[in-house]
Amino acid sequence: MGRGRQRPGRIRVADALAAAMTLHREGKLANAAELYENILQAVPAQPDALHYYGVLCHQRGQSEKAARLIQSAIQLQPDYAAAYNNLGNVYKEQGRAADAAEMYRRLISLQPDHAEAYNNLGVALKQLGRYDEAVAAYNDALRRAPRYADAYHNLGNALKKLGRVDEALSAYRQAILLKPQHSDAYLNLGRLLYAAGRTADAVAVYEQWLAQEPDNPVARHMRAACSGEGVPTRASDAYVRQTFDHFAGSFDVVLKRLDYQAPALVAAAVAQQLGSAGAQLAVLDAGCGTGLCGPLLRPYARRLSGVDLSPGMLSKAAGRDVYDELVQAELTEFLGAHAVAWDLIVSADTLCYFGALDAICKATAGALRAEGRFVFTVELATAEDAPQGYHIAPHGRYGHTRALVRTALMDTGLEVLGLDEVTLRLEAGNPVAGLLVVASHV
């Protein structure tokens, strides 16, 4: 057959795949998914369609389906290097660090100088707690790509775990030198300096970051949190959105390592209040994140809604397939626009991004139906640390005193049914004290 005389069906598949990949890159995921599915209906053994559709499913929070699709692509094309890398990424974000490491090693066997594969292998090894091996993997990446800023940043993370503080600080600084707008490196460098008792140096790092990115809401928020100057009454929408969009992919895995208890705590409080599940209630997961509370709330819900500022988090929540609706909105405004709409509002570790609680409690009271319940957690602050009832900690979250929480609820007409001290998670190996709060609309 002469050049340019390929079979029409083959041309159509190639063109459709190119179009799907363009839509995918543009973020038009629903349209891209439809095209990938059409291609696979026509040619079920098309490895590129399987691979990239798998990547898309992972972006939409459908990680199990993503893994199956990419595995199929590899079975069809065993030397498919990019598929090994992306399957490793899926496994890593599922918490399957050992499987992720195996995929990266297979990629390295195909392409021994693949610096990104060594970097990703280091991340997986760090998840497994094999910090010395992670350091070695990052150094392997840097030998192949000496200006690899992300590898320096990740090297800093592993060195910090080993207690090699000065080396970690140096690695973070090298990442910033190579990539002056490396947000994660600034953030972790500032946090490590603060933890080492070098508060002024930490503030200077955040100021350097702001000089590079004057409009970066995370830099602005962290400078205020660390210096105590210009502290907002709540975290800005831009800070919350940017922080959690960035965190969405690793959120569940990280919180599992931190023994995160807030969803289980609020679910236990709901069960104590409502007894056996009846699927009769209008339920709102306020600040739903990736949807960790969703499966726990579903048995109570006739209709289960989730609201969050972060589209990245909402995408992951959608993958759980338990919510009737998911809405991107600021929580106070959303509640204010839905008067007398909910029988149960749950908020796990969301109000720690609010300082003053008056407005959010007022909006919640207005959104609850008669005898509706409001169940939430906050981080606990002492009156000594927070004389005005709340304060911001250097990590950027707010803590609240028991007295402030009680007053904020009672001032809006909500009755306090429970105000129990709990452990929310671990941080640097230490328990984080919080309050599990139950209130009722009388």
Protein backbone atom coordinates (compact mmCIF):
# COMPACT_ATOMS: atom_id res chain seq x y z
CA MET A 1 0.00 0.00 0.00
CA GLY A 2 1.48 3.39 -0.95
CA ARG A 3 2.13 6.22 1.44
CA GLY A 4 -1.01 8.19 2.33
CA ARG A 5 -3.31 5.25 1.53
CA GLN A 6 -3.94 3.96 5.08
CA ARG A 7 -7.23 2.28 5.82
CA PRO A 8 -10.02 4.83 6.57
CA GLY A 9 -10.89 3.19 9.89
CA ARG A 10 -7.29 3.52 11.04
CA ILE A 11 -7.25 7.20 10.13
CA ARG A 12 -10.49 7.78 12.02
CA VAL A 13 -9.13 6.16 15.21
CA ALA A 14 -5.90 8.16 15.04
CA ASP A 15 -7.79 11.40 14.47
CA ALA A 16 -10.26 10.63 17.26
CA LEU A 17 -7.42 9.83 19.66
CA ALA A 18 -5.67 13.09 18.81
CA ALA A 19 -8.91 15.00 19.38
CA ALA A 20 -9.54 13.23 22.70
CA MET A 21 -6.04 14.02 23.91
CA THR A 22 -6.47 17.68 22.94
CA LEU A 23 -9.74 17.90 24.89
CA HIS A 24 -8.03 16.13 27.79
CA ARG A 25 -5.15 18.63 27.86
CA GLU A 26 -7.67 21.50 27.77
CA GLY A 27 -9.42 20.11 30.86
CA LYS A 28 -12.61 19.19 29.00
CA LEU A 29 -12.76 15.86 30.75
CA ALA A 30 -16.35 14.87 30.03
CA ASN A 31 -15.91 15.40 26.28
CA ALA A 32 -12.54 13.65 26.28
CA ALA A 33 -13.98 10.70 28.22
CA GLU A 34 -16.76 10.28 25.70
CA LEU A 35 -14.27 10.19 22.83
CA TYR A 36 -11.97 7.72 24.60
CA GLU A 37 -14.97 5.46 25.23
CA ASN A 38 -16.03 5.65 21.59
CA ILE A 39 -12.52 4.73 20.47
CA LEU A 40 -12.43 1.76 22.83
CA GLN A 41 -15.81 0.56 21.63
CA ALA A 42 -14.43 0.52 18.10
CA VAL A 43 -10.94 -0.76 19.00
CA PRO A 44 -10.95 -2.29 22.51
CA ALA A 45 -7.23 -3.09 22.33
CA GLN A 46 -6.03 0.47 21.59
CA PRO A 47 -3.23 0.94 24.18
CA ASP A 48 -3.00 4.74 23.98
CA ALA A 49 -6.75 5.15 24.47
CA LEU A 50 -6.66 2.74 27.42
CA HIS A 51 -3.71 4.56 28.95
CA TYR A 52 -4.96 8.12 28.60
CA TYR A 53 -8.52 7.25 29.51
CA GLY A 54 -7.05 5.66 32.64
CA VAL A 55 -5.21 8.89 33.43
CA LEU A 56 -8.46 10.81 32.97
CA CYS A 57 -10.38 8.45 35.26
CA HIS A 58 -7.76 8.96 37.94
CA GLN A 59 -8.16 12.73 37.60
CA ARG A 60 -11.89 12.25 38.18
CA GLY A 61 -11.32 10.23 41.35
CA GLN A 62 -12.03 6.83 39.72
CA SER A 63 -8.69 5.33 40.65
CA GLU A 64 -9.68 1.65 40.60
CA LYS A 65 -11.01 1.99 37.06
CA ALA A 66 -7.91 3.99 36.14
CA ALA A 67 -5.61 1.23 37.33
CA ARG A 68 -7.51 -1.41 35.35
CA LEU A 69 -7.35 0.61 32.15
CA ILE A 70 -3.64 1.38 32.40
CA GLN A 71 -2.87 -2.22 33.33
CA SER A 72 -4.66 -3.28 30.13
CA ALA A 73 -2.54 -0.86 28.10
CA ILE A 74 0.64 -2.37 29.58
CA GLN A 75 -0.53 -5.92 28.88
CA LEU A 76 -0.96 -4.95 25.23
CA GLN A 77 2.32 -3.02 25.09
CA PRO A 78 4.77 -4.28 27.74
CA ASP A 79 7.40 -1.63 26.89
CA TYR A 80 4.96 1.28 27.34
CA ALA A 81 7.16 3.47 29.56
CA ALA A 82 4.72 6.34 30.16
CA ALA A 83 2.02 3.89 31.20
CA TYR A 84 4.29 2.40 33.89
CA ASN A 85 4.91 5.91 35.23
CA ASN A 86 1.22 6.82 35.34
CA LEU A 87 0.18 3.48 36.82
CA GLY A 88 2.79 4.10 39.51
CA ASN A 89 1.24 7.51 40.13
CA VAL A 90 -2.23 5.98 40.49
CA TYR A 91 -0.94 3.38 42.94
CA LYS A 92 0.95 6.03 44.88
CA GLU A 93 -2.16 8.16 45.37
CA GLN A 94 -4.14 5.05 46.37
CA GLY A 95 -1.63 4.41 49.14
CA ARG A 96 -0.23 1.35 47.34
CA ALA A 97 3.33 2.56 47.67
CA ALA A 98 4.99 -0.84 47.21
CA ASP A 99 3.10 -1.41 43.94
CA ALA A 100 3.97 2.13 42.85
CA ALA A 101 7.65 1.51 43.52
CA GLU A 102 7.52 -1.65 41.40
CA MET A 103 6.05 0.29 38.46
CA TYR A 104 8.76 2.94 38.68
CA ARG A 105 11.44 0.24 38.82
CA ARG A 106 9.98 -1.35 35.68
CA LEU A 107 10.15 2.03 33.98
CA ILE A 108 13.78 2.42 35.05
CA SER A 109 14.57 -1.01 33.61
CA LEU A 110 13.25 0.26 30.27
CA GLN A 111 14.82 3.72 30.51
CA PRO A 112 17.74 3.70 33.00
CA ASP A 113 18.32 7.45 32.72
CA HIS A 114 14.70 8.45 33.36
CA ALA A 115 15.22 11.05 36.13
CA GLU A 116 11.50 11.44 36.85
CA ALA A 117 11.19 7.71 37.47
CA TYR A 118 13.91 7.87 40.14
CA ASN A 119 12.22 10.89 41.71
CA ASN A 120 8.86 9.12 41.77
CA LEU A 121 10.50 5.99 43.16
CA GLY A 122 11.86 8.15 45.98
CA VAL A 123 8.36 9.44 46.77
CA ALA A 124 7.01 5.88 46.95
CA LEU A 125 9.90 4.75 49.16
CA LYS A 126 9.30 7.71 51.47
CA GLN A 127 5.64 6.66 51.76
CA LEU A 128 6.91 3.24 52.83
CA GLY A 129 9.08 4.83 55.53
CA ARG A 130 12.28 3.74 53.74
CA TYR A 131 13.86 7.16 54.01
CA ASP A 132 17.49 6.19 53.36
CA GLU A 133 16.46 4.43 50.14
CA ALA A 134 14.36 7.44 49.18
CA VAL A 135 17.39 9.71 49.62
CA ALA A 136 19.39 7.37 47.35
CA ALA A 137 16.64 7.46 44.70
CA TYR A 138 16.50 11.26 44.73
CA ASN A 139 20.28 11.42 44.40
CA ASP A 140 20.01 9.03 41.44
CA ALA A 141 17.53 11.45 39.87
CA LEU A 142 19.85 14.40 40.49
CA ARG A 143 22.84 12.63 38.98
CA ARG A 144 20.82 12.34 35.78
CA ALA A 145 19.23 15.79 36.00
CA PRO A 146 21.34 18.10 38.21
CA ARG A 147 18.89 21.00 37.86
CA TYR A 148 15.82 18.97 38.87
CA ALA A 149 14.21 21.31 41.44
CA ASP A 150 11.43 18.91 42.45
CA ALA A 151 13.98 16.19 43.23
CA TYR A 152 15.83 18.59 45.53
CA HIS A 153 12.57 19.47 47.25
CA ASN A 154 11.66 15.82 47.73
CA LEU A 155 15.20 15.11 48.94
CA GLY A 156 14.62 17.76 51.59
CA ASN A 157 11.43 16.00 52.70
CA ALA A 158 13.24 12.67 53.13
CA LEU A 159 16.23 14.23 54.91
CA LYS A 160 13.82 15.97 57.29
CA LYS A 161 12.32 12.57 58.17
CA LEU A 162 15.82 11.32 58.97
CA GLY A 163 16.43 14.27 61.29
CA ARG A 164 19.14 15.65 59.00
CA VAL A 165 17.82 19.18 59.39
CA ASP A 166 20.72 21.20 57.99
CA GLU A 167 20.89 19.00 54.88
CA ALA A 168 17.13 19.27 54.45
CA LEU A 169 17.28 23.06 54.69
CA SER A 170 20.05 23.08 52.10
CA ALA A 171 18.03 20.87 49.73
CA TYR A 172 14.97 23.13 50.01
CA ARG A 173 17.12 26.20 49.33
CA GLN A 174 18.64 24.53 46.28
CA ALA A 175 15.16 23.79 44.95
CA ILE A 176 14.27 27.47 45.32
CA LEU A 177 17.54 28.56 43.69
CA LEU A 178 16.75 26.41 40.66
CA LYS A 179 13.05 27.29 40.61
CA PRO A 180 12.45 30.65 42.33
CA GLN A 181 8.66 30.10 42.36
CA HIS A 182 8.76 26.62 43.90
CA SER A 183 5.84 27.06 46.32
CA ASP A 184 6.24 23.72 48.10
CA ALA A 185 9.92 24.36 48.77
CA TYR A 186 9.18 27.76 50.33
CA LEU A 187 6.38 26.25 52.41
CA ASN A 188 8.44 23.35 53.74
CA LEU A 189 11.55 25.45 54.26
CA GLY A 190 9.55 27.94 56.33
CA ARG A 191 7.88 25.20 58.36
CA LEU A 192 11.16 23.45 59.09
CA LEU A 193 12.81 26.68 60.17
CA TYR A 194 9.91 27.42 62.49
CA ALA A 195 10.05 23.90 63.94
CA ALA A 196 13.76 24.42 64.55
CA GLY A 197 12.97 27.54 66.60
CA ARG A 198 14.14 29.93 63.90
CA THR A 199 10.94 31.96 63.64
CA ALA A 200 12.54 35.10 62.20
CA ASP A 201 14.20 33.04 59.47
CA ALA A 202 10.88 31.36 58.69
CA VAL A 203 9.17 34.73 58.32
CA ALA A 204 12.01 35.87 56.05
CA VAL A 205 11.43 32.84 53.82
CA TYR A 206 7.73 33.67 53.49
CA GLU A 207 8.63 37.28 52.70
CA GLN A 208 11.08 36.07 50.03
CA TRP A 209 8.28 33.94 48.62
CA LEU A 210 5.93 36.94 48.55
CA ALA A 211 8.58 38.97 46.77
CA GLN A 212 8.61 36.31 44.05
CA GLU A 213 4.84 35.86 44.00
CA PRO A 214 3.16 38.95 45.50
CA ASP A 215 -0.33 37.62 44.81
CA ASN A 216 0.21 34.09 46.14
CA PRO A 217 -2.50 33.56 48.79
CA VAL A 218 -0.61 30.70 50.48
CA ALA A 219 2.52 32.80 50.91
CA ARG A 220 0.46 35.66 52.33
CA HIS A 221 -1.43 33.39 54.72
CA MET A 222 1.67 31.58 55.97
CA ARG A 223 3.53 34.83 56.60
CA ALA A 224 0.62 36.05 58.73
CA ALA A 225 0.38 32.72 60.56
CA CYS A 226 4.08 32.62 61.35
CA SER A 227 4.59 36.31 62.18
CA GLY A 228 1.24 36.95 63.90
CA GLU A 229 0.88 40.13 61.85
CA GLY A 230 -2.12 40.88 59.66
CA VAL A 231 -3.90 37.65 60.64
CA PRO A 232 -7.27 37.38 58.83
CA THR A 233 -10.44 36.45 60.68
CA ARG A 234 -10.60 33.39 58.43
CA ALA A 235 -8.47 31.88 55.68
CA SER A 236 -9.15 33.48 52.32
CA ASP A 237 -11.08 31.62 49.64
CA ALA A 238 -8.01 31.77 47.41
CA TYR A 239 -5.80 30.21 50.10
CA VAL A 240 -8.23 27.36 50.74
CA ARG A 241 -8.81 26.68 47.05
CA GLN A 242 -5.12 26.70 46.12
CA THR A 243 -4.04 24.65 49.14
CA PHE A 244 -6.59 21.91 48.65
CA ASP A 245 -6.44 21.76 44.87
CA HIS A 246 -2.72 21.09 45.31
CA PHE A 247 -3.36 18.56 48.10
CA ALA A 248 -6.24 16.70 46.45
CA GLY A 249 -4.24 13.91 44.87
CA SER A 250 -2.44 12.85 48.03
CA PHE A 251 -5.04 13.94 50.59
CA ASP A 252 -6.47 10.54 51.57
CA VAL A 253 -3.07 8.82 51.73
CA VAL A 254 -1.50 11.57 53.84
CA LEU A 255 -4.40 11.65 56.29
CA LYS A 256 -4.30 7.87 56.64
CA ARG A 257 -0.65 8.12 57.67
CA LEU A 258 -1.63 10.79 60.20
CA ASP A 259 -4.28 8.49 61.74
CA TYR A 260 -6.96 11.02 60.82
CA GLN A 261 -10.03 10.51 63.00
CA ALA A 262 -12.42 13.39 62.23
CA PRO A 263 -14.76 11.52 59.81
CA ALA A 264 -15.11 8.55 62.17
CA LEU A 265 -15.68 10.89 65.12
CA VAL A 266 -18.46 12.86 63.44
CA ALA A 267 -20.06 9.65 62.16
CA ALA A 268 -20.10 8.22 65.69
CA ALA A 269 -21.69 11.43 66.99
CA VAL A 270 -24.33 11.30 64.25
CA ALA A 271 -25.12 7.68 65.11
CA GLN A 272 -25.46 8.56 68.79
CA GLN A 273 -27.83 11.39 67.98
CA LEU A 274 -29.95 9.76 65.29
CA GLY A 275 -29.82 6.06 66.11
CA SER A 276 -30.28 3.59 63.30
CA ALA A 277 -29.95 4.90 59.78
CA GLY A 278 -33.18 5.56 57.96
CA ALA A 279 -32.14 7.31 54.73
CA GLN A 280 -34.81 9.94 55.37
CA LEU A 281 -32.77 13.12 55.91
CA ALA A 282 -31.50 16.00 53.83
CA VAL A 283 -27.80 15.88 54.71
CA LEU A 284 -25.03 18.36 53.90
CA ASP A 285 -21.33 17.50 54.07
CA ALA A 286 -20.02 21.02 54.60
CA GLY A 287 -16.44 21.21 53.41
CA CYS A 288 -16.64 17.70 51.99
CA GLY A 289 -13.09 17.55 50.61
CA THR A 290 -12.44 14.23 48.88
CA GLY A 291 -15.62 12.80 50.40
CA LEU A 292 -14.24 10.84 53.33
CA CYS A 293 -17.45 11.47 55.28
CA GLY A 294 -19.74 10.67 52.36
CA PRO A 295 -19.98 6.88 52.75
CA LEU A 296 -20.51 7.31 56.50
CA LEU A 297 -23.38 9.78 55.98
CA ARG A 298 -25.07 8.05 53.05
CA PRO A 299 -27.15 5.64 55.22
CA TYR A 300 -28.90 8.63 56.85
CA ALA A 301 -29.55 10.56 53.67
CA ARG A 302 -32.54 10.77 51.42
CA ARG A 303 -30.42 13.37 49.66
CA LEU A 304 -26.70 13.83 50.33
CA SER A 305 -25.04 17.05 49.20
CA GLY A 306 -21.42 18.11 49.43
CA VAL A 307 -19.98 21.59 49.19
CA ASP A 308 -16.34 22.63 48.97
CA LEU A 309 -14.24 25.48 47.61
CA SER A 310 -11.72 23.22 45.88
CA PRO A 311 -12.62 21.78 42.46
CA GLY A 312 -9.75 19.31 42.85
CA MET A 313 -11.27 17.94 46.04
CA LEU A 314 -14.75 17.81 44.52
CA SER A 315 -13.40 15.81 41.59
CA LYS A 316 -12.09 13.19 44.02
CA ALA A 317 -15.37 13.23 45.98
CA ALA A 318 -17.31 12.60 42.76
CA GLY A 319 -15.29 9.44 42.24
CA ARG A 320 -16.81 7.93 45.39
CA ASP A 321 -20.24 7.96 43.73
CA VAL A 322 -22.12 8.55 47.00
CA TYR A 323 -23.28 12.18 46.69
CA ASP A 324 -26.47 13.30 45.00
CA GLU A 325 -24.90 16.67 44.30
CA LEU A 326 -21.52 18.35 44.71
CA VAL A 327 -21.26 22.13 44.66
CA GLN A 328 -18.20 24.37 44.47
CA ALA A 329 -18.91 27.33 46.75
CA GLU A 330 -17.77 29.23 49.81
CA LEU A 331 -19.47 27.60 52.76
CA THR A 332 -20.97 30.62 54.54
CA GLU A 333 -22.45 31.99 51.32
CA PHE A 334 -23.80 28.58 50.33
CA LEU A 335 -25.53 28.06 53.67
CA GLY A 336 -26.92 31.57 53.58
CA ALA A 337 -28.50 30.85 50.21
CA HIS A 338 -30.21 27.65 51.44
CA ALA A 339 -32.51 28.60 54.30
CA VAL A 340 -34.21 25.80 56.26
CA ALA A 341 -32.84 23.19 53.85
CA TRP A 342 -31.04 20.53 55.91
CA ASP A 343 -31.86 18.06 58.66
CA LEU A 344 -28.18 17.35 59.30
CA ILE A 345 -25.07 19.40 58.58
CA VAL A 346 -21.68 17.80 59.19
CA SER A 347 -18.35 19.59 58.94
CA ALA A 348 -15.18 17.60 59.62
CA ASP A 349 -12.03 19.70 59.99
CA THR A 350 -13.36 22.61 57.96
CA LEU A 351 -13.93 25.23 60.65
CA CYS A 352 -10.22 25.14 61.49
CA TYR A 353 -9.89 27.47 58.49
CA PHE A 354 -12.20 29.97 60.19
CA GLY A 355 -11.10 32.16 63.07
CA ALA A 356 -14.25 33.99 64.09
CA LEU A 357 -17.19 31.56 64.06
CA ASP A 358 -20.10 33.98 64.34
CA ALA A 359 -20.96 34.21 60.64
CA ILE A 360 -20.64 30.50 59.87
CA CYS A 361 -22.73 29.52 62.92
CA LYS A 362 -25.41 32.06 62.02
CA ALA A 363 -25.54 30.76 58.44
CA THR A 364 -25.73 27.17 59.68
CA ALA A 365 -28.55 27.96 62.09
CA GLY A 366 -30.52 29.52 59.24
CA ALA A 367 -29.92 26.52 56.97
CA LEU A 368 -31.04 23.90 59.51
CA ARG A 369 -34.61 22.69 59.77
CA ALA A 370 -36.40 22.41 63.12
CA GLU A 371 -34.60 19.90 65.36
CA GLY A 372 -31.81 19.64 62.79
CA ARG A 373 -28.32 18.71 63.97
CA PHE A 374 -24.96 20.38 63.37
CA VAL A 375 -21.96 18.10 64.00
CA PHE A 376 -18.42 19.40 63.50
CA THR A 377 -14.83 19.41 64.70
CA VAL A 378 -12.40 22.20 65.48
CA GLU A 379 -8.85 22.23 66.78
CA LEU A 380 -8.67 23.05 70.47
CA ALA A 381 -6.91 26.15 71.79
CA THR A 382 -6.36 27.17 75.37
CA ALA A 383 -7.51 30.51 76.75
CA GLU A 384 -3.85 31.34 77.37
CA ASP A 385 -2.93 30.81 73.71
CA ALA A 386 -6.12 32.39 72.38
CA PRO A 387 -7.32 35.18 74.68
CA GLN A 388 -9.86 36.36 72.06
CA GLY A 389 -11.21 32.81 71.73
CA TYR A 390 -9.28 31.77 68.64
CA HIS A 391 -5.78 32.01 67.26
CA ILE A 392 -3.88 31.00 64.15
CA ALA A 393 -1.09 28.46 64.48
CA PRO A 394 2.13 28.59 62.43
CA HIS A 395 0.88 25.71 60.24
CA GLY A 396 -1.91 28.03 59.04
CA ARG A 397 -4.96 26.54 60.78
CA TYR A 398 -7.00 28.15 63.55
CA GLY A 399 -7.61 26.78 67.02
CA HIS A 400 -10.68 27.63 69.13
CA THR A 401 -11.42 27.64 72.82
CA ARG A 402 -14.31 25.70 74.25
CA ALA A 403 -15.88 28.95 75.49
CA LEU A 404 -15.82 30.61 72.08
CA VAL A 405 -17.42 27.62 70.36
CA ARG A 406 -20.20 27.44 72.94
CA THR A 407 -20.88 31.19 72.75
CA ALA A 408 -20.88 31.29 68.93
CA LEU A 409 -23.49 28.52 68.80
CA MET A 410 -25.70 29.85 71.60
CA ASP A 411 -25.70 33.38 70.16
CA THR A 412 -27.35 32.03 67.01
CA GLY A 413 -30.01 30.11 68.93
CA LEU A 414 -28.42 26.68 68.57
CA GLU A 415 -28.47 24.39 71.60
CA VAL A 416 -25.16 22.76 72.49
CA LEU A 417 -25.67 19.02 72.99
CA GLY A 418 -22.06 17.92 73.10
CA LEU A 419 -18.63 19.54 73.39
CA ASP A 420 -16.12 16.74 73.84
CA GLU A 421 -12.35 16.84 73.69
CA VAL A 422 -10.95 14.38 71.13
CA THR A 423 -7.76 13.57 69.22
CA LEU A 424 -8.20 14.54 65.58
CA ARG A 425 -4.95 13.14 64.11
CA LEU A 426 -1.21 12.99 64.68
CA GLU A 427 1.17 15.77 63.70
CA ALA A 428 4.92 15.16 63.89
CA GLY A 429 3.97 12.08 65.90
CA ASN A 430 2.04 14.11 68.48
CA PRO A 431 -1.75 14.01 69.02
CA VAL A 432 -3.69 17.06 67.84
CA ALA A 433 -6.37 17.99 70.37
CA GLY A 434 -9.76 19.00 69.07
CA LEU A 435 -13.39 19.42 69.99
CA LEU A 436 -16.19 17.24 68.67
CA VAL A 437 -19.27 19.45 68.77
CA VAL A 438 -22.96 18.59 68.46
CA ALA A 439 -25.60 21.31 68.32
CA SER A 440 -29.33 21.30 67.63
CA HIS A 441 -31.74 23.75 66.09
CA VAL A 442 -34.44 24.25 68.70
